[in-house]
Amino acid sequence: MLFEFECGCVGFGKTVEDDCEVSMLVYACDSDDGNYGFLKRDMTGKTFEPLTFEKEKKVFSRISSLIKFGYDLIAAQALLRPRNIGRFD
């Protein structure tokens, strides 16, 4: 389940590490480019509530499309890689 923090960050629930309440975020509210990414951040003192099903569905759909794009990019790179077919050294 994903949560939205009071600041606008979206991530998983908090855990305690070294006296800090840390969350694994999938979206940071202060992101320079507004893209999704996985990062740990100290969320001590910030309240959070569960995302609605519709919002959670949109986030997971976006993550899924980013993963698919990564696989497509790897496949394209493999096609463009030089091959040594027919060479006799």
C-alpha atoms as a PDB file:
ATOM      1  CA  MET A   1       0.000   0.000   0.000  1.00  0.00           C
ATOM      2  CA  LEU A   2       1.229   3.474  -0.851  1.00  0.00           C
ATOM      3  CA  PHE A   3       0.818   6.571   1.276  1.00  0.00           C
ATOM      4  CA  GLU A   4       0.755  10.278   0.549  1.00  0.00           C
ATOM      5  CA  PHE A   5       2.624  12.416   3.047  1.00  0.00           C
ATOM      6  CA  GLU A   6       1.490  15.872   4.105  1.00  0.00           C
ATOM      7  CA  CYS A   7       4.187  17.452   1.924  1.00  0.00           C
ATOM      8  CA  GLY A   8       2.980  15.659  -1.230  1.00  0.00           C
ATOM      9  CA  CYS A   9       5.573  12.872  -1.349  1.00  0.00           C
ATOM     10  CA  VAL A  10       4.259   9.397  -2.184  1.00  0.00           C
ATOM     11  CA  GLY A  11       5.838   6.269  -0.789  1.00  0.00           C
ATOM     12  CA  PHE A  12       5.613   3.255   1.446  1.00  0.00           C
ATOM     13  CA  GLY A  13       5.031   3.447   5.211  1.00  0.00           C
ATOM     14  CA  LYS A  14       7.683   4.587   7.656  1.00  0.00           C
ATOM     15  CA  THR A  15      10.288   2.466   9.405  1.00  0.00           C
ATOM     16  CA  VAL A  16      12.683   3.542  12.148  1.00  0.00           C
ATOM     17  CA  GLU A  17      16.383   3.653  11.246  1.00  0.00           C
ATOM     18  CA  ASP A  18      18.948   5.360  13.482  1.00  0.00           C
ATOM     19  CA  ASP A  19      16.218   7.233  15.381  1.00  0.00           C
ATOM     20  CA  CYS A  20      14.725   8.578  12.122  1.00  0.00           C
ATOM     21  CA  GLU A  21      11.387   7.686  10.556  1.00  0.00           C
ATOM     22  CA  VAL A  22      12.451   6.694   7.051  1.00  0.00           C
ATOM     23  CA  SER A  23      10.202   5.992   4.085  1.00  0.00           C
ATOM     24  CA  MET A  24      10.958   4.539   0.669  1.00  0.00           C
ATOM     25  CA  LEU A  25       9.495   7.107  -1.705  1.00  0.00           C
ATOM     26  CA  VAL A  26       8.408   6.574  -5.294  1.00  0.00           C
ATOM     27  CA  TYR A  27       7.689  10.271  -5.840  1.00  0.00           C
ATOM     28  CA  ALA A  28       9.346  13.201  -4.079  1.00  0.00           C
ATOM     29  CA  CYS A  29       7.347  16.419  -3.811  1.00  0.00           C
ATOM     30  CA  ASP A  30      10.471  18.534  -4.359  1.00  0.00           C
ATOM     31  CA  SER A  31      11.730  16.589  -7.358  1.00  0.00           C
ATOM     32  CA  ASP A  32      13.411  18.824  -9.942  1.00  0.00           C
ATOM     33  CA  ASP A  33      11.909  17.008 -12.914  1.00  0.00           C
ATOM     34  CA  GLY A  34       8.713  15.552 -11.404  1.00  0.00           C
ATOM     35  CA  ASN A  35       9.725  12.019 -12.351  1.00  0.00           C
ATOM     36  CA  TYR A  36       9.264   8.898 -10.308  1.00  0.00           C
ATOM     37  CA  GLY A  37      12.204   7.145  -8.687  1.00  0.00           C
ATOM     38  CA  PHE A  38      12.980   5.118  -5.608  1.00  0.00           C
ATOM     39  CA  LEU A  39      14.717   6.923  -2.783  1.00  0.00           C
ATOM     40  CA  LYS A  40      14.872   6.793   0.997  1.00  0.00           C
ATOM     41  CA  ARG A  41      14.049   9.966   2.870  1.00  0.00           C
ATOM     42  CA  ASP A  42      13.719  10.977   6.503  1.00  0.00           C
ATOM     43  CA  MET A  43      10.021  11.668   7.034  1.00  0.00           C
ATOM     44  CA  THR A  44      10.190  12.222  10.802  1.00  0.00           C
ATOM     45  CA  GLY A  45       7.156  14.077  12.084  1.00  0.00           C
ATOM     46  CA  LYS A  46       5.291  14.072   8.765  1.00  0.00           C
ATOM     47  CA  THR A  47       1.782  12.698   8.750  1.00  0.00           C
ATOM     48  CA  PHE A  48       0.550  10.446   5.983  1.00  0.00           C
ATOM     49  CA  GLU A  49      -2.602   8.761   4.766  1.00  0.00           C
ATOM     50  CA  PRO A  50      -3.265   5.901   2.362  1.00  0.00           C
ATOM     51  CA  LEU A  51      -3.676   6.750  -1.304  1.00  0.00           C
ATOM     52  CA  THR A  52      -7.074   6.104  -2.777  1.00  0.00           C
ATOM     53  CA  PHE A  53      -7.342   3.041  -4.978  1.00  0.00           C
ATOM     54  CA  GLU A  54      -7.515   5.223  -8.113  1.00  0.00           C
ATOM     55  CA  LYS A  55      -4.397   7.242  -7.219  1.00  0.00           C
ATOM     56  CA  GLU A  56      -2.506   4.081  -6.285  1.00  0.00           C
ATOM     57  CA  LYS A  57      -3.526   2.498  -9.585  1.00  0.00           C
ATOM     58  CA  LYS A  58      -2.151   5.535 -11.479  1.00  0.00           C
ATOM     59  CA  VAL A  59       1.172   5.407  -9.608  1.00  0.00           C
ATOM     60  CA  PHE A  60       1.653   1.675 -10.250  1.00  0.00           C
ATOM     61  CA  SER A  61       0.625   2.114 -13.873  1.00  0.00           C
ATOM     62  CA  ARG A  62       3.271   4.830 -14.279  1.00  0.00           C
ATOM     63  CA  ILE A  63       5.946   2.670 -12.625  1.00  0.00           C
ATOM     64  CA  SER A  64       4.973  -0.235 -14.883  1.00  0.00           C
ATOM     65  CA  SER A  65       5.278   1.919 -18.013  1.00  0.00           C
ATOM     66  CA  LEU A  66       8.711   3.157 -16.897  1.00  0.00           C
ATOM     67  CA  ILE A  67       9.907  -0.429 -16.420  1.00  0.00           C
ATOM     68  CA  LYS A  68       8.544  -1.399 -19.850  1.00  0.00           C
ATOM     69  CA  PHE A  69      10.287   1.616 -21.397  1.00  0.00           C
ATOM     70  CA  GLY A  70      13.547   0.427 -19.815  1.00  0.00           C
ATOM     71  CA  TYR A  71      13.132  -3.052 -21.314  1.00  0.00           C
ATOM     72  CA  ASP A  72      12.306  -1.544 -24.710  1.00  0.00           C
ATOM     73  CA  LEU A  73      15.423   0.632 -24.527  1.00  0.00           C
ATOM     74  CA  ILE A  74      17.614  -2.386 -23.731  1.00  0.00           C
ATOM     75  CA  ALA A  75      16.089  -4.292 -26.666  1.00  0.00           C
ATOM     76  CA  ALA A  76      16.743  -1.348 -29.021  1.00  0.00           C
ATOM     77  CA  GLN A  77      20.344  -1.087 -27.822  1.00  0.00           C
ATOM     78  CA  ALA A  78      20.820  -4.809 -28.465  1.00  0.00           C
ATOM     79  CA  LEU A  79      19.539  -4.387 -32.033  1.00  0.00           C
ATOM     80  CA  LEU A  80      21.911  -1.478 -32.673  1.00  0.00           C
ATOM     81  CA  ARG A  81      24.963  -3.198 -31.219  1.00  0.00           C
ATOM     82  CA  PRO A  82      27.603  -3.995 -33.845  1.00  0.00           C
ATOM     83  CA  ARG A  83      27.831  -7.649 -34.731  1.00  0.00           C
ATOM     84  CA  ASN A  84      30.882  -9.531 -35.906  1.00  0.00           C
ATOM     85  CA  ILE A  85      28.930 -11.817 -38.196  1.00  0.00           C
ATOM     86  CA  GLY A  86      30.883 -12.969 -41.217  1.00  0.00           C
ATOM     87  CA  ARG A  87      34.288 -11.803 -39.968  1.00  0.00           C
ATOM     88  CA  PHE A  88      37.244 -14.087 -40.306  1.00  0.00           C
ATOM     89  CA  ASP A  89      40.117 -13.035 -38.086  1.00  0.00           C
END
